[in-house]
Amino acid sequence: MDMNERLNSVLNTLCLNRADFAGSIGIAESKLDRQLKGLYKIDKQEALAIKAVYNINPAWLLTGEGEMFINSRADNKKTQVRVSSGELFNNLSKMQKEVIAAFCSIKNEEMLNRISSIILNQAERERAEEIICSGLKDMKCIRKKRGGE
């Protein structure tokens, strides 16, 4: 696999579009487009930026050696880097990254839409539960202030 193919693989695995990815590592989208086509090579500084934001192994990106993601604890810092799509990738386990990669590789649009809907519905249910619980806590506080009604 060539460097540009590995870079394409990163974008596909992370489900990122070109504009978001380029912006997150501080390069112009036009430069990224040329890199994805194999016209420009990724330099060491860009590989390190990709590592810092997405936990991608720079050696794998530049040479193909090793695994795509870095799994060492030192590189999986508690500091989470928010990507422009709003998702956090730095602290995901290898299995979670593989699940996301599998999800991104689904070609059947109907299946993809169903899975997306299930995930969104679950997230909405969890958010609704948080709001309800927060509201109940607020009601208890108001009752206490009123003298235990």
C-alpha atoms as a PDB file:
ATOM      1  CA  MET A   1       0.000   0.000   0.000  1.00  0.00           C
ATOM      2  CA  ASP A   2       1.391   3.410  -0.995  1.00  0.00           C
ATOM      3  CA  MET A   3       1.496   6.446   1.295  1.00  0.00           C
ATOM      4  CA  ASN A   4      -1.491   8.067  -0.405  1.00  0.00           C
ATOM      5  CA  GLU A   5      -3.480   4.830  -0.037  1.00  0.00           C
ATOM      6  CA  ARG A   6      -2.644   4.737   3.678  1.00  0.00           C
ATOM      7  CA  LEU A   7      -3.762   8.355   4.023  1.00  0.00           C
ATOM      8  CA  ASN A   8      -7.031   7.535   2.243  1.00  0.00           C
ATOM      9  CA  SER A   9      -7.419   4.589   4.601  1.00  0.00           C
ATOM     10  CA  VAL A  10      -7.078   6.933   7.605  1.00  0.00           C
ATOM     11  CA  LEU A  11      -9.868   9.200   6.338  1.00  0.00           C
ATOM     12  CA  ASN A  12     -12.113   6.233   5.582  1.00  0.00           C
ATOM     13  CA  THR A  13     -11.438   4.539   8.915  1.00  0.00           C
ATOM     14  CA  LEU A  14     -12.147   7.724  10.858  1.00  0.00           C
ATOM     15  CA  CYS A  15     -15.177   8.623   8.694  1.00  0.00           C
ATOM     16  CA  LEU A  16     -13.784  12.109   8.075  1.00  0.00           C
ATOM     17  CA  ASN A  17     -14.219  14.347   5.085  1.00  0.00           C
ATOM     18  CA  ARG A  18     -11.245  16.070   3.479  1.00  0.00           C
ATOM     19  CA  ALA A  19     -12.032  19.561   4.726  1.00  0.00           C
ATOM     20  CA  ASP A  20     -12.377  18.496   8.367  1.00  0.00           C
ATOM     21  CA  PHE A  21      -9.249  16.364   8.262  1.00  0.00           C
ATOM     22  CA  ALA A  22      -7.119  19.035   6.577  1.00  0.00           C
ATOM     23  CA  GLY A  23      -8.294  21.683   9.029  1.00  0.00           C
ATOM     24  CA  SER A  24      -7.661  19.476  12.044  1.00  0.00           C
ATOM     25  CA  ILE A  25      -3.980  18.989  11.122  1.00  0.00           C
ATOM     26  CA  GLY A  26      -3.387  22.528   9.884  1.00  0.00           C
ATOM     27  CA  ILE A  27      -2.951  22.082   6.140  1.00  0.00           C
ATOM     28  CA  ALA A  28      -4.908  23.382   3.165  1.00  0.00           C
ATOM     29  CA  GLU A  29      -7.511  21.071   1.689  1.00  0.00           C
ATOM     30  CA  SER A  30      -5.883  21.499  -1.737  1.00  0.00           C
ATOM     31  CA  LYS A  31      -2.592  20.127  -0.347  1.00  0.00           C
ATOM     32  CA  LEU A  32      -4.432  17.184   1.219  1.00  0.00           C
ATOM     33  CA  ASP A  33      -6.129  16.476  -2.120  1.00  0.00           C
ATOM     34  CA  ARG A  34      -2.716  16.288  -3.797  1.00  0.00           C
ATOM     35  CA  GLN A  35      -1.431  13.999  -1.048  1.00  0.00           C
ATOM     36  CA  LEU A  36      -4.450  11.716  -1.409  1.00  0.00           C
ATOM     37  CA  LYS A  37      -3.760  11.496  -5.150  1.00  0.00           C
ATOM     38  CA  GLY A  38      -0.088  10.688  -4.528  1.00  0.00           C
ATOM     39  CA  LEU A  39       1.179  13.938  -6.060  1.00  0.00           C
ATOM     40  CA  TYR A  40       2.660  15.186  -2.768  1.00  0.00           C
ATOM     41  CA  LYS A  41       4.206  13.141   0.005  1.00  0.00           C
ATOM     42  CA  ILE A  42       3.284  13.579   3.647  1.00  0.00           C
ATOM     43  CA  ASP A  43       6.163  15.145   5.533  1.00  0.00           C
ATOM     44  CA  LYS A  44       7.277  14.173   9.023  1.00  0.00           C
ATOM     45  CA  GLN A  45       5.677  17.235  10.642  1.00  0.00           C
ATOM     46  CA  GLU A  46       2.292  16.427   9.079  1.00  0.00           C
ATOM     47  CA  ALA A  47       2.612  12.792  10.167  1.00  0.00           C
ATOM     48  CA  LEU A  48       3.268  13.980  13.738  1.00  0.00           C
ATOM     49  CA  ALA A  49       0.224  16.275  13.583  1.00  0.00           C
ATOM     50  CA  ILE A  50      -1.907  13.327  12.445  1.00  0.00           C
ATOM     51  CA  LYS A  51      -0.490  11.292  15.324  1.00  0.00           C
ATOM     52  CA  ALA A  52      -1.302  14.037  17.837  1.00  0.00           C
ATOM     53  CA  VAL A  53      -4.890  14.452  16.683  1.00  0.00           C
ATOM     54  CA  TYR A  54      -5.885  10.918  15.643  1.00  0.00           C
ATOM     55  CA  ASN A  55      -3.371   8.602  17.338  1.00  0.00           C
ATOM     56  CA  ILE A  56      -2.158   7.353  13.937  1.00  0.00           C
ATOM     57  CA  ASN A  57       1.265   5.696  13.885  1.00  0.00           C
ATOM     58  CA  PRO A  58       3.577   8.018  11.869  1.00  0.00           C
ATOM     59  CA  ALA A  59       5.848   5.096  10.894  1.00  0.00           C
ATOM     60  CA  TRP A  60       2.860   3.253   9.424  1.00  0.00           C
ATOM     61  CA  LEU A  61       1.686   6.381   7.624  1.00  0.00           C
ATOM     62  CA  LEU A  62       5.094   7.182   6.120  1.00  0.00           C
ATOM     63  CA  THR A  63       6.487   3.683   5.469  1.00  0.00           C
ATOM     64  CA  GLY A  64       3.719   1.155   6.026  1.00  0.00           C
ATOM     65  CA  GLU A  65       5.536  -0.420   8.983  1.00  0.00           C
ATOM     66  CA  GLY A  66       3.522  -1.376  12.048  1.00  0.00           C
ATOM     67  CA  GLU A  67      -0.160  -0.829  12.785  1.00  0.00           C
ATOM     68  CA  MET A  68      -2.326   2.123  11.792  1.00  0.00           C
ATOM     69  CA  PHE A  69      -3.186   3.104  15.373  1.00  0.00           C
ATOM     70  CA  ILE A  70      -0.785   3.540  18.261  1.00  0.00           C
ATOM     71  CA  ASN A  71      -1.860   1.448  21.215  1.00  0.00           C
ATOM     72  CA  SER A  72       0.671   2.410  23.889  1.00  0.00           C
ATOM     73  CA  ARG A  73      -0.649   4.041  27.056  1.00  0.00           C
ATOM     74  CA  ALA A  74       1.812   6.894  26.720  1.00  0.00           C
ATOM     75  CA  ASP A  75       0.270   7.852  23.407  1.00  0.00           C
ATOM     76  CA  ASN A  76      -3.320   7.300  24.572  1.00  0.00           C
ATOM     77  CA  LYS A  77      -3.218  10.296  26.883  1.00  0.00           C
ATOM     78  CA  LYS A  78      -6.226  11.330  28.890  1.00  0.00           C
ATOM     79  CA  THR A  79      -6.177  14.548  26.908  1.00  0.00           C
ATOM     80  CA  GLN A  80      -8.866  14.209  24.301  1.00  0.00           C
ATOM     81  CA  VAL A  81      -8.584  16.072  21.052  1.00  0.00           C
ATOM     82  CA  ARG A  82     -11.920  17.086  19.642  1.00  0.00           C
ATOM     83  CA  VAL A  83     -12.116  16.686  15.882  1.00  0.00           C
ATOM     84  CA  SER A  84     -14.259  19.120  13.941  1.00  0.00           C
ATOM     85  CA  SER A  85     -16.978  16.518  13.493  1.00  0.00           C
ATOM     86  CA  GLY A  86     -17.386  16.629  17.280  1.00  0.00           C
ATOM     87  CA  GLU A  87     -16.248  13.090  17.926  1.00  0.00           C
ATOM     88  CA  LEU A  88     -13.415  12.039  20.185  1.00  0.00           C
ATOM     89  CA  PHE A  89     -10.971   9.465  18.912  1.00  0.00           C
ATOM     90  CA  ASN A  90      -7.885   9.655  21.089  1.00  0.00           C
ATOM     91  CA  ASN A  91      -9.050   7.404  23.913  1.00  0.00           C
ATOM     92  CA  LEU A  92     -10.920   4.757  21.951  1.00  0.00           C
ATOM     93  CA  SER A  93      -9.811   1.180  22.363  1.00  0.00           C
ATOM     94  CA  LYS A  94      -8.562  -0.798  19.381  1.00  0.00           C
ATOM     95  CA  MET A  95     -11.865  -2.703  19.313  1.00  0.00           C
ATOM     96  CA  GLN A  96     -13.888   0.538  19.265  1.00  0.00           C
ATOM     97  CA  LYS A  97     -11.791   1.840  16.370  1.00  0.00           C
ATOM     98  CA  GLU A  98     -12.309  -1.428  14.500  1.00  0.00           C
ATOM     99  CA  VAL A  99     -16.079  -1.214  15.043  1.00  0.00           C
ATOM    100  CA  ILE A 100     -16.086   2.329  13.664  1.00  0.00           C
ATOM    101  CA  ALA A 101     -13.964   1.222  10.706  1.00  0.00           C
ATOM    102  CA  ALA A 102     -16.387  -1.641  10.023  1.00  0.00           C
ATOM    103  CA  PHE A 103     -19.315   0.757  10.256  1.00  0.00           C
ATOM    104  CA  CYS A 104     -17.635   3.111   7.768  1.00  0.00           C
ATOM    105  CA  SER A 105     -17.063   0.273   5.327  1.00  0.00           C
ATOM    106  CA  ILE A 106     -20.743  -0.727   5.091  1.00  0.00           C
ATOM    107  CA  LYS A 107     -21.739  -0.309   1.461  1.00  0.00           C
ATOM    108  CA  ASN A 108     -25.454  -1.143   1.813  1.00  0.00           C
ATOM    109  CA  GLU A 109     -27.084   2.263   2.332  1.00  0.00           C
ATOM    110  CA  GLU A 110     -30.278   0.834   3.849  1.00  0.00           C
ATOM    111  CA  MET A 111     -28.279  -1.128   6.430  1.00  0.00           C
ATOM    112  CA  LEU A 112     -26.126   1.914   7.171  1.00  0.00           C
ATOM    113  CA  ASN A 113     -29.227   4.069   7.689  1.00  0.00           C
ATOM    114  CA  ARG A 114     -30.809   1.499  10.021  1.00  0.00           C
ATOM    115  CA  ILE A 115     -27.681   1.206  12.168  1.00  0.00           C
ATOM    116  CA  SER A 116     -27.309   5.003  12.252  1.00  0.00           C
ATOM    117  CA  SER A 117     -30.927   5.334  13.319  1.00  0.00           C
ATOM    118  CA  ILE A 118     -30.482   2.808  16.131  1.00  0.00           C
ATOM    119  CA  ILE A 119     -27.389   4.614  17.400  1.00  0.00           C
ATOM    120  CA  LEU A 120     -29.090   8.027  17.243  1.00  0.00           C
ATOM    121  CA  ASN A 121     -32.238   6.729  18.968  1.00  0.00           C
ATOM    122  CA  GLN A 122     -30.139   5.279  21.786  1.00  0.00           C
ATOM    123  CA  ALA A 123     -28.241   8.546  22.159  1.00  0.00           C
ATOM    124  CA  GLU A 124     -31.532  10.482  22.248  1.00  0.00           C
ATOM    125  CA  ARG A 125     -32.940   8.130  24.918  1.00  0.00           C
ATOM    126  CA  GLU A 126     -29.827   8.537  27.054  1.00  0.00           C
ATOM    127  CA  ARG A 127     -29.975  12.334  26.695  1.00  0.00           C
ATOM    128  CA  ALA A 128     -33.693  12.355  27.611  1.00  0.00           C
ATOM    129  CA  GLU A 129     -32.925  10.286  30.724  1.00  0.00           C
ATOM    130  CA  GLU A 130     -30.219  12.795  31.715  1.00  0.00           C
ATOM    131  CA  ILE A 131     -32.645  15.689  31.312  1.00  0.00           C
ATOM    132  CA  ILE A 132     -35.362  13.909  33.327  1.00  0.00           C
ATOM    133  CA  CYS A 133     -32.942  13.009  36.120  1.00  0.00           C
ATOM    134  CA  SER A 134     -31.615  16.563  36.187  1.00  0.00           C
ATOM    135  CA  GLY A 135     -35.175  17.891  36.366  1.00  0.00           C
ATOM    136  CA  LEU A 136     -36.046  15.548  39.230  1.00  0.00           C
ATOM    137  CA  LYS A 137     -32.981  16.691  41.156  1.00  0.00           C
ATOM    138  CA  ASP A 138     -34.008  20.314  40.607  1.00  0.00           C
ATOM    139  CA  MET A 139     -37.523  19.563  41.885  1.00  0.00           C
ATOM    140  CA  LYS A 140     -36.104  18.005  45.068  1.00  0.00           C
ATOM    141  CA  CYS A 141     -33.991  21.118  45.642  1.00  0.00           C
ATOM    142  CA  ILE A 142     -37.029  23.398  45.205  1.00  0.00           C
ATOM    143  CA  ARG A 143     -39.051  21.252  47.641  1.00  0.00           C
ATOM    144  CA  LYS A 144     -36.271  21.447  50.216  1.00  0.00           C
ATOM    145  CA  LYS A 145     -36.129  25.241  49.861  1.00  0.00           C
ATOM    146  CA  ARG A 146     -39.908  25.490  50.347  1.00  0.00           C
ATOM    147  CA  GLY A 147     -39.715  23.546  53.557  1.00  0.00           C
ATOM    148  CA  GLY A 148     -40.187  19.955  52.419  1.00  0.00           C
ATOM    149  CA  GLU A 149     -43.560  20.141  50.639  1.00  0.00           C
END
